[in-house]
Amino acid sequence: MARSNRKLIPESRQALEQWKYEIAAEFGLPVGGAGATNTDAEFAGELGAMGASQGSGGSWRYLTSRENGSVGGEITKRLVAQAEKDFLL
């Protein structure tokens, strides 16, 4: 079965991008790039530290598959927790 990255709610793209960078900062991963400017001020210093020095387009490519997967897994975990919370209300 083919997989698709199509968003069911296109407006969620920006929120998911912001979440991705915030989670990476929480995990101490050195990422930067276009999404870093849209994050909370609390993480701005951490996120901008490596992105500017490693060229354009962010630095996700410098991370291991495990590091990138941990960010995606945490996003999924938080989305499921939010859905469960909303369902129970």
N, C-alpha and C. Protein backbone atom coordinates (compact mmCIF):
# COMPACT_ATOMS: atom_id res chain seq x y z
N MET A 1 0.84 -1.17 0.00
CA MET A 1 0.00 0.00 0.00
C MET A 1 0.89 1.24 0.00
N ALA A 2 0.61 2.15 -0.89
CA ALA A 2 1.41 3.37 -1.00
C ALA A 2 1.10 4.31 0.15
N ARG A 3 2.15 4.97 0.65
CA ARG A 3 1.98 5.94 1.72
C ARG A 3 1.96 7.34 1.14
N SER A 4 1.29 8.22 1.82
CA SER A 4 1.18 9.59 1.35
C SER A 4 1.47 10.55 2.49
N ASN A 5 2.19 11.61 2.21
CA ASN A 5 2.46 12.65 3.20
C ASN A 5 1.47 13.79 3.09
N ARG A 6 0.40 13.57 2.32
CA ARG A 6 -0.61 14.61 2.14
C ARG A 6 -1.29 14.88 3.47
N LYS A 7 -1.38 16.16 3.81
CA LYS A 7 -2.02 16.56 5.06
C LYS A 7 -3.53 16.60 4.87
N LEU A 8 -4.27 16.00 5.81
CA LEU A 8 -5.72 16.05 5.75
C LEU A 8 -6.21 17.47 6.02
N ILE A 9 -5.46 18.20 6.83
CA ILE A 9 -5.78 19.59 7.13
C ILE A 9 -4.56 20.42 6.72
N PRO A 10 -4.56 21.00 5.51
CA PRO A 10 -3.39 21.72 5.01
C PRO A 10 -2.92 22.84 5.93
N GLU A 11 -3.83 23.44 6.69
CA GLU A 11 -3.46 24.53 7.58
C GLU A 11 -2.56 24.06 8.73
N SER A 12 -2.47 22.75 8.94
CA SER A 12 -1.66 22.22 10.03
C SER A 12 -0.17 22.20 9.70
N ARG A 13 0.17 22.42 8.45
CA ARG A 13 1.58 22.33 8.03
C ARG A 13 2.49 23.24 8.84
N GLN A 14 2.11 24.50 9.02
CA GLN A 14 2.96 25.45 9.74
C GLN A 14 3.09 25.05 11.22
N ALA A 15 2.00 24.62 11.83
CA ALA A 15 2.04 24.20 13.23
C ALA A 15 2.96 22.98 13.41
N LEU A 16 2.88 22.03 12.48
CA LEU A 16 3.72 20.84 12.57
C LEU A 16 5.20 21.20 12.37
N GLU A 17 5.48 22.13 11.45
CA GLU A 17 6.86 22.58 11.24
C GLU A 17 7.41 23.21 12.51
N GLN A 18 6.62 24.07 13.13
CA GLN A 18 7.06 24.72 14.36
C GLN A 18 7.30 23.68 15.46
N TRP A 19 6.39 22.75 15.58
CA TRP A 19 6.52 21.70 16.57
C TRP A 19 7.79 20.88 16.34
N LYS A 20 8.10 20.61 15.09
CA LYS A 20 9.28 19.84 14.74
C LYS A 20 10.55 20.51 15.27
N TYR A 21 10.66 21.82 15.06
CA TYR A 21 11.85 22.54 15.51
C TYR A 21 11.89 22.67 17.04
N GLU A 22 10.74 22.84 17.66
CA GLU A 22 10.70 22.93 19.12
C GLU A 22 11.13 21.61 19.76
N ILE A 23 10.65 20.49 19.21
CA ILE A 23 11.01 19.18 19.74
C ILE A 23 12.49 18.91 19.52
N ALA A 24 13.00 19.26 18.37
CA ALA A 24 14.43 19.09 18.10
C ALA A 24 15.26 19.88 19.12
N ALA A 25 14.83 21.09 19.44
CA ALA A 25 15.54 21.89 20.43
C ALA A 25 15.47 21.23 21.81
N GLU A 26 14.30 20.69 22.16
CA GLU A 26 14.16 20.00 23.44
C GLU A 26 15.10 18.81 23.54
N PHE A 27 15.31 18.13 22.42
CA PHE A 27 16.20 16.97 22.39
C PHE A 27 17.67 17.37 22.25
N GLY A 28 17.93 18.66 22.05
CA GLY A 28 19.29 19.14 21.91
C GLY A 28 19.91 18.87 20.56
N LEU A 29 19.07 18.72 19.53
CA LEU A 29 19.57 18.45 18.18
C LEU A 29 19.91 19.76 17.48
N PRO A 30 21.06 19.81 16.81
CA PRO A 30 21.51 21.05 16.16
C PRO A 30 20.86 21.27 14.80
N VAL A 31 19.67 21.87 14.78
CA VAL A 31 19.00 22.17 13.53
C VAL A 31 18.73 23.66 13.43
N GLY A 32 18.54 24.11 12.22
CA GLY A 32 18.21 25.50 11.97
C GLY A 32 17.44 25.57 10.67
N GLY A 33 17.49 26.70 10.01
CA GLY A 33 16.83 26.81 8.72
C GLY A 33 15.60 27.67 8.76
N ALA A 34 14.78 27.55 7.71
CA ALA A 34 13.62 28.42 7.54
C ALA A 34 12.64 28.32 8.67
N GLY A 35 12.39 27.12 9.20
CA GLY A 35 11.42 26.94 10.26
C GLY A 35 11.85 27.55 11.58
N ALA A 36 13.13 27.80 11.75
CA ALA A 36 13.63 28.28 13.02
C ALA A 36 13.15 29.68 13.35
N THR A 37 12.86 30.48 12.36
CA THR A 37 12.44 31.84 12.64
C THR A 37 11.02 31.91 13.14
N ASN A 38 10.24 30.84 13.00
CA ASN A 38 8.85 30.83 13.42
C ASN A 38 8.63 30.23 14.80
N THR A 39 9.71 29.94 15.51
CA THR A 39 9.57 29.27 16.80
C THR A 39 9.53 30.26 17.94
N ASP A 40 9.22 29.75 19.11
CA ASP A 40 9.18 30.59 20.30
C ASP A 40 10.55 31.17 20.60
N ALA A 41 10.55 32.32 21.25
CA ALA A 41 11.79 33.00 21.59
C ALA A 41 12.65 32.13 22.52
N GLU A 42 12.00 31.28 23.32
CA GLU A 42 12.73 30.43 24.25
C GLU A 42 13.75 29.54 23.53
N PHE A 43 13.42 29.11 22.32
CA PHE A 43 14.31 28.21 21.58
C PHE A 43 15.11 28.90 20.49
N ALA A 44 14.90 30.18 20.28
CA ALA A 44 15.51 30.87 19.15
C ALA A 44 17.03 30.77 19.15
N GLY A 45 17.66 30.93 20.28
CA GLY A 45 19.11 30.86 20.35
C GLY A 45 19.64 29.49 19.99
N GLU A 46 18.99 28.47 20.52
CA GLU A 46 19.44 27.11 20.25
C GLU A 46 19.26 26.75 18.78
N LEU A 47 18.14 27.14 18.19
CA LEU A 47 17.83 26.74 16.83
C LEU A 47 18.69 27.46 15.80
N GLY A 48 19.05 28.69 16.07
CA GLY A 48 19.83 29.45 15.10
C GLY A 48 21.31 29.16 15.16
N ALA A 49 21.74 28.47 16.19
CA ALA A 49 23.16 28.26 16.42
C ALA A 49 23.86 27.53 15.28
N MET A 50 23.29 26.47 14.75
CA MET A 50 23.96 25.67 13.74
C MET A 50 23.45 25.95 12.34
N GLY A 51 22.22 26.37 12.19
CA GLY A 51 21.62 26.52 10.88
C GLY A 51 22.37 27.48 9.98
N ALA A 52 22.80 28.61 10.49
CA ALA A 52 23.46 29.62 9.67
C ALA A 52 24.83 29.16 9.20
N SER A 53 25.52 28.38 10.01
CA SER A 53 26.88 27.98 9.65
C SER A 53 26.93 26.79 8.71
N GLN A 54 25.82 26.09 8.53
CA GLN A 54 25.85 24.89 7.71
C GLN A 54 25.16 25.06 6.37
N GLY A 55 24.99 26.27 5.95
CA GLY A 55 24.42 26.49 4.63
C GLY A 55 22.92 26.68 4.66
N SER A 56 22.32 26.84 3.48
CA SER A 56 20.90 27.11 3.39
C SER A 56 20.08 25.83 3.47
N GLY A 57 18.80 26.00 3.80
CA GLY A 57 17.89 24.87 3.78
C GLY A 57 17.82 24.07 5.06
N GLY A 58 18.38 24.56 6.14
CA GLY A 58 18.31 23.83 7.39
C GLY A 58 19.37 22.76 7.45
N SER A 59 19.50 22.13 8.62
CA SER A 59 20.56 21.14 8.80
C SER A 59 20.03 19.77 9.18
N TRP A 60 18.82 19.45 8.79
CA TRP A 60 18.27 18.12 9.09
C TRP A 60 19.12 17.04 8.45
N ARG A 61 19.72 17.31 7.34
CA ARG A 61 20.51 16.28 6.64
C ARG A 61 21.77 15.90 7.40
N TYR A 62 22.19 16.68 8.38
CA TYR A 62 23.38 16.37 9.15
C TYR A 62 23.07 15.47 10.35
N LEU A 63 21.80 15.19 10.57
CA LEU A 63 21.41 14.34 11.68
C LEU A 63 21.28 12.89 11.22
N THR A 64 21.38 11.98 12.17
CA THR A 64 21.23 10.57 11.83
C THR A 64 19.75 10.24 11.63
N SER A 65 19.50 9.10 11.03
CA SER A 65 18.11 8.64 10.85
C SER A 65 17.44 8.47 12.20
N ARG A 66 18.19 8.00 13.16
CA ARG A 66 17.63 7.80 14.49
C ARG A 66 17.21 9.13 15.11
N GLU A 67 18.04 10.17 14.96
CA GLU A 67 17.71 11.48 15.51
C GLU A 67 16.48 12.06 14.83
N ASN A 68 16.45 11.99 13.51
CA ASN A 68 15.29 12.49 12.78
C ASN A 68 14.03 11.70 13.14
N GLY A 69 14.18 10.40 13.27
CA GLY A 69 13.04 9.56 13.63
C GLY A 69 12.53 9.83 15.03
N SER A 70 13.43 10.20 15.93
CA SER A 70 12.99 10.49 17.29
C SER A 70 12.11 11.73 17.32
N VAL A 71 12.41 12.70 16.45
CA VAL A 71 11.57 13.90 16.38
C VAL A 71 10.20 13.53 15.82
N GLY A 72 10.17 12.78 14.75
CA GLY A 72 8.89 12.35 14.16
C GLY A 72 8.08 11.50 15.13
N GLY A 73 8.76 10.62 15.86
CA GLY A 73 8.07 9.79 16.83
C GLY A 73 7.46 10.60 17.96
N GLU A 74 8.18 11.62 18.40
CA GLU A 74 7.66 12.48 19.46
C GLU A 74 6.46 13.29 18.98
N ILE A 75 6.52 13.75 17.74
CA ILE A 75 5.37 14.47 17.17
C ILE A 75 4.15 13.54 17.17
N THR A 76 4.34 12.31 16.71
CA THR A 76 3.24 11.35 16.67
C THR A 76 2.70 11.08 18.07
N LYS A 77 3.60 10.89 19.02
CA LYS A 77 3.20 10.64 20.41
C LYS A 77 2.35 11.79 20.95
N ARG A 78 2.76 13.02 20.67
CA ARG A 78 2.02 14.19 21.16
C ARG A 78 0.68 14.36 20.44
N LEU A 79 0.65 14.05 19.15
CA LEU A 79 -0.62 14.13 18.41
C LEU A 79 -1.63 13.11 18.94
N VAL A 80 -1.16 11.90 19.22
CA VAL A 80 -2.04 10.86 19.76
C VAL A 80 -2.54 11.27 21.14
N ALA A 81 -1.66 11.78 21.97
CA ALA A 81 -2.05 12.21 23.32
C ALA A 81 -3.10 13.32 23.25
N GLN A 82 -2.90 14.26 22.32
CA GLN A 82 -3.86 15.36 22.16
C GLN A 82 -5.22 14.83 21.67
N ALA A 83 -5.19 13.90 20.73
CA ALA A 83 -6.44 13.32 20.21
C ALA A 83 -7.17 12.56 21.32
N GLU A 84 -6.44 11.81 22.12
CA GLU A 84 -7.06 11.08 23.22
C GLU A 84 -7.67 12.04 24.24
N LYS A 85 -6.97 13.11 24.51
CA LYS A 85 -7.46 14.12 25.46
C LYS A 85 -8.73 14.76 24.93
N ASP A 86 -8.73 15.13 23.64
CA ASP A 86 -9.91 15.75 23.04
C ASP A 86 -11.10 14.79 23.00
N PHE A 87 -10.81 13.51 22.77
CA PHE A 87 -11.86 12.50 22.68
C PHE A 87 -12.54 12.29 24.03
N LEU A 88 -11.74 12.35 25.09
CA LEU A 88 -12.29 12.11 26.42
C LEU A 88 -13.06 13.30 26.98
N LEU A 89 -12.87 14.48 26.39
CA LEU A 89 -13.57 15.66 26.89
C LEU A 89 -14.97 15.72 26.44
